[in-house]
Structures are given as C-alpha cells and as structure tokens.
C-alpha cells in the first residue's frame, strides 16, 4: 500500500521530548515578554521626558561668547603664536 507523508501515522512523542518542547516554548515566551516590557518602559520614559532638556544658549539680552572671543582676539592681536 502506498501512503503519502501526510497520511502516515505520526509517532507519539516521548515524555522527555514533550518536556523539552514545553521548555523551549516557555523560554521563547519569557524572552518575548521581557523584550515587550523593555520596549514599553523605553516608550514611557521617552514620553515622560519629552522636551525636558536644557540648552545653554545665551538669551537674547546677553552678549554671545563668540562676540566676547572676537573682542579678546582684537585686544591680543600684537601677541600671536603660530603652531605648525
């Protein structure tokens, strides 16, 4: 009698094979849940701290550091050093 692989009866898994399959499924599930929780924690952290960074740019009334450096450069024109 000719049978196809689909119609052939499958062998029952031994208890050890079933246990290892269950262990693999549990490990995959735990890894997935950990990754999902880390992504959720990162999302909440980024949402909570949105726009709360501080820039140290001068306000409009203060002279900028570039202008102060240029004025210092003009004062010390006579003493210039060149490094090669």
N, C-alpha and C. Protein backbone atom coordinates (compact mmCIF):
# COMPACT_ATOMS: atom_id res chain seq x y z
N UNK A 1 0.84 -1.16 0.00
CA UNK A 1 0.00 0.00 0.00
C UNK A 1 0.90 1.24 0.00
N UNK A 2 0.61 2.20 -0.85
CA UNK A 2 1.39 3.43 -0.98
C UNK A 2 0.71 4.51 -0.15
N UNK A 3 1.49 5.11 0.72
CA UNK A 3 0.92 6.19 1.54
C UNK A 3 1.77 7.44 1.39
N UNK A 4 1.15 8.54 1.48
CA UNK A 4 1.86 9.82 1.42
C UNK A 4 2.31 10.20 2.83
N UNK A 5 3.27 11.11 2.95
CA UNK A 5 3.72 11.51 4.29
C UNK A 5 2.62 12.10 5.14
N UNK A 6 1.62 12.68 4.52
CA UNK A 6 0.54 13.29 5.29
C UNK A 6 -0.33 12.21 5.93
N UNK A 7 -0.56 11.12 5.20
CA UNK A 7 -1.45 10.09 5.70
C UNK A 7 -0.78 9.09 6.62
N UNK A 8 0.55 9.13 6.71
CA UNK A 8 1.25 8.21 7.60
C UNK A 8 0.96 8.58 9.06
N UNK A 9 0.76 7.60 9.90
CA UNK A 9 0.54 7.93 11.31
C UNK A 9 1.83 8.49 11.94
N UNK A 10 1.65 9.48 12.75
CA UNK A 10 2.81 10.08 13.41
C UNK A 10 3.12 9.32 14.69
N UNK A 11 4.38 9.34 15.03
CA UNK A 11 4.78 8.67 16.26
C UNK A 11 4.51 9.60 17.43
N UNK A 12 4.08 9.05 18.53
CA UNK A 12 3.82 9.84 19.72
C UNK A 12 5.15 10.27 20.34
N UNK A 13 5.18 11.49 20.85
CA UNK A 13 6.40 11.99 21.48
C UNK A 13 6.57 11.34 22.84
N UNK A 14 7.80 11.06 23.16
CA UNK A 14 8.07 10.51 24.48
C UNK A 14 7.91 11.65 25.50
N UNK A 15 7.73 11.33 26.76
CA UNK A 15 7.57 12.39 27.77
C UNK A 15 8.77 13.34 27.83
N UNK A 16 9.97 12.82 27.55
CA UNK A 16 11.15 13.69 27.57
C UNK A 16 11.13 14.68 26.42
N UNK A 17 10.70 14.22 25.23
CA UNK A 17 10.60 15.11 24.08
C UNK A 17 9.52 16.17 24.31
N UNK A 18 8.43 15.77 24.91
CA UNK A 18 7.36 16.72 25.21
C UNK A 18 7.80 17.77 26.21
N UNK A 19 8.60 17.33 27.19
CA UNK A 19 9.09 18.26 28.20
C UNK A 19 10.08 19.26 27.59
N UNK A 20 10.94 18.79 26.69
CA UNK A 20 11.90 19.71 26.09
C UNK A 20 11.18 20.70 25.17
N UNK A 21 10.14 20.25 24.47
CA UNK A 21 9.36 21.15 23.63
C UNK A 21 8.67 22.21 24.48
N UNK A 22 8.12 21.80 25.61
CA UNK A 22 7.46 22.74 26.50
C UNK A 22 8.47 23.73 27.08
N UNK A 23 9.66 23.27 27.39
CA UNK A 23 10.70 24.15 27.94
C UNK A 23 11.12 25.19 26.90
N UNK A 24 11.26 24.77 25.67
CA UNK A 24 11.62 25.71 24.61
C UNK A 24 10.51 26.76 24.43
N UNK A 25 9.27 26.32 24.48
CA UNK A 25 8.14 27.25 24.35
C UNK A 25 8.12 28.25 25.50
N UNK A 26 8.41 27.80 26.70
CA UNK A 26 8.43 28.69 27.86
C UNK A 26 9.56 29.70 27.74
N UNK A 27 10.72 29.26 27.31
CA UNK A 27 11.86 30.18 27.16
C UNK A 27 11.56 31.24 26.10
N UNK A 28 11.00 30.83 24.98
CA UNK A 28 10.66 31.79 23.93
C UNK A 28 9.61 32.79 24.44
N UNK A 29 8.64 32.32 25.18
CA UNK A 29 7.60 33.20 25.71
C UNK A 29 8.18 34.20 26.71
N UNK A 30 9.06 33.74 27.58
CA UNK A 30 9.67 34.63 28.58
C UNK A 30 10.53 35.68 27.90
N UNK A 31 11.32 35.29 26.91
CA UNK A 31 12.16 36.26 26.18
C UNK A 31 11.28 37.29 25.48
N UNK A 32 10.20 36.86 24.85
CA UNK A 32 9.29 37.78 24.18
C UNK A 32 8.67 38.76 25.16
N UNK A 33 8.23 38.28 26.31
CA UNK A 33 7.61 39.17 27.31
C UNK A 33 8.62 40.17 27.87
N UNK A 34 9.86 39.75 28.07
CA UNK A 34 10.89 40.66 28.57
C UNK A 34 11.18 41.75 27.53
N UNK A 35 11.31 41.36 26.28
CA UNK A 35 11.55 42.36 25.23
C UNK A 35 10.39 43.33 25.09
N UNK A 36 9.18 42.82 25.18
CA UNK A 36 8.00 43.67 25.09
C UNK A 36 7.94 44.66 26.26
N UNK A 37 8.25 44.20 27.46
CA UNK A 37 8.22 45.09 28.62
C UNK A 37 9.33 46.14 28.55
N UNK A 38 10.50 45.79 28.02
CA UNK A 38 11.58 46.77 27.86
C UNK A 38 11.18 47.84 26.85
N UNK A 39 10.55 47.44 25.76
CA UNK A 39 10.10 48.42 24.77
C UNK A 39 9.05 49.35 25.38
N UNK A 40 8.14 48.81 26.16
CA UNK A 40 7.12 49.64 26.80
C UNK A 40 7.76 50.60 27.81
N UNK A 41 8.73 50.14 28.58
CA UNK A 41 9.41 51.02 29.54
C UNK A 41 10.16 52.14 28.83
N UNK A 42 10.82 51.82 27.73
CA UNK A 42 11.53 52.85 26.97
C UNK A 42 10.54 53.87 26.40
N UNK A 43 9.41 53.40 25.90
CA UNK A 43 8.39 54.30 25.37
C UNK A 43 7.89 55.26 26.46
N UNK A 44 7.56 54.72 27.64
CA UNK A 44 7.08 55.59 28.72
C UNK A 44 8.16 56.57 29.18
N UNK A 45 9.40 56.14 29.24
CA UNK A 45 10.50 57.03 29.63
C UNK A 45 10.65 58.17 28.63
N UNK A 46 10.64 57.84 27.35
CA UNK A 46 10.78 58.88 26.34
C UNK A 46 9.58 59.82 26.33
N UNK A 47 8.38 59.29 26.55
CA UNK A 47 7.19 60.13 26.58
C UNK A 47 7.20 61.05 27.80
N UNK A 48 7.65 60.54 28.93
CA UNK A 48 7.68 61.33 30.16
C UNK A 48 8.70 62.46 30.07
N UNK A 49 9.86 62.21 29.47
CA UNK A 49 10.93 63.19 29.42
C UNK A 49 10.97 63.95 28.10
N UNK A 50 9.86 64.02 27.42
CA UNK A 50 9.82 64.69 26.13
C UNK A 50 10.00 66.20 26.32
N UNK A 51 11.03 66.75 25.71
CA UNK A 51 11.24 68.19 25.72
C UNK A 51 11.76 68.75 27.03
N UNK A 52 12.35 67.95 27.87
CA UNK A 52 12.81 68.47 29.16
C UNK A 52 14.32 68.66 29.19
N UNK A 53 14.94 68.83 28.04
CA UNK A 53 16.38 69.04 28.03
C UNK A 53 16.68 70.54 28.13
N UNK A 54 17.86 70.88 28.60
CA UNK A 54 18.25 72.27 28.82
C UNK A 54 19.39 72.59 27.87
N UNK A 55 19.22 73.68 27.14
CA UNK A 55 20.32 74.15 26.29
C UNK A 55 20.98 75.33 26.99
N UNK A 56 22.26 75.46 26.81
CA UNK A 56 22.99 76.53 27.47
C UNK A 56 23.28 77.66 26.49
N UNK A 57 22.33 77.95 25.64
CA UNK A 57 22.48 79.06 24.71
C UNK A 57 22.17 80.36 25.45
N UNK A 58 22.87 81.43 25.11
CA UNK A 58 22.59 82.70 25.78
C UNK A 58 21.23 83.24 25.38
N UNK A 59 20.61 83.97 26.30
CA UNK A 59 19.33 84.59 25.97
C UNK A 59 19.59 85.79 25.07
N UNK A 60 18.54 86.41 24.61
CA UNK A 60 18.69 87.49 23.64
C UNK A 60 19.42 88.70 24.22
N UNK A 61 19.30 88.96 25.50
CA UNK A 61 19.91 90.13 26.11
C UNK A 61 21.40 89.99 26.38
N UNK A 62 21.88 88.76 26.52
CA UNK A 62 23.28 88.54 26.86
C UNK A 62 24.16 88.56 25.62
N UNK A 63 25.37 89.09 25.73
CA UNK A 63 26.29 89.02 24.59
C UNK A 63 26.77 87.57 24.42
N UNK A 64 26.91 87.18 23.21
CA UNK A 64 27.29 85.78 22.97
C UNK A 64 28.77 85.58 23.22
N UNK A 65 29.14 84.35 23.41
CA UNK A 65 30.54 84.01 23.68
C UNK A 65 31.40 84.28 22.46
N UNK A 66 30.82 84.18 21.27
CA UNK A 66 31.59 84.43 20.05
C UNK A 66 32.00 85.89 19.98
N UNK A 67 31.09 86.78 20.33
CA UNK A 67 31.41 88.22 20.31
C UNK A 67 32.49 88.52 21.34
N UNK A 68 32.40 87.92 22.51
CA UNK A 68 33.41 88.15 23.54
C UNK A 68 34.76 87.61 23.10
N UNK A 69 34.79 86.47 22.45
CA UNK A 69 36.05 85.91 21.97
C UNK A 69 36.65 86.79 20.89
N UNK A 70 35.82 87.36 20.02
CA UNK A 70 36.33 88.23 18.97
C UNK A 70 36.92 89.50 19.55
N UNK A 71 36.29 90.04 20.59
CA UNK A 71 36.83 91.25 21.20
C UNK A 71 38.15 90.94 21.92
N UNK A 72 38.26 89.76 22.53
CA UNK A 72 39.52 89.36 23.16
C UNK A 72 40.61 89.15 22.11
N UNK A 73 40.23 88.65 20.95
CA UNK A 73 41.18 88.41 19.87
C UNK A 73 41.72 89.73 19.34
N UNK A 74 40.88 90.74 19.25
CA UNK A 74 41.32 92.05 18.76
C UNK A 74 42.30 92.66 19.76
N UNK A 75 42.08 92.48 21.05
CA UNK A 75 42.97 93.04 22.07
C UNK A 75 44.35 92.39 22.03
N UNK A 76 44.40 91.11 21.70
CA UNK A 76 45.67 90.41 21.75
C UNK A 76 46.23 90.15 20.34
N UNK A 77 45.99 91.06 19.40
CA UNK A 77 46.49 90.90 18.03
C UNK A 77 48.01 90.98 17.99
N UNK A 78 48.56 91.82 18.82
CA UNK A 78 50.00 92.02 18.75
C UNK A 78 50.79 90.81 19.22
N UNK A 79 50.18 89.95 20.00
CA UNK A 79 50.88 88.77 20.51
C UNK A 79 50.20 87.52 19.96
N UNK A 80 50.61 87.10 18.77
CA UNK A 80 50.06 85.92 18.17
C UNK A 80 51.10 84.81 18.12
N UNK A 81 50.66 83.62 18.33
CA UNK A 81 51.54 82.48 18.23
C UNK A 81 51.01 81.54 17.18
N UNK A 82 51.92 81.00 16.42
CA UNK A 82 51.55 80.06 15.37
C UNK A 82 52.16 78.69 15.67
N UNK A 83 51.34 77.68 15.62
CA UNK A 83 51.82 76.33 15.84
C UNK A 83 51.80 75.57 14.53
N UNK A 84 52.88 74.89 14.25
CA UNK A 84 52.97 74.15 12.99
C UNK A 84 52.83 72.67 13.27
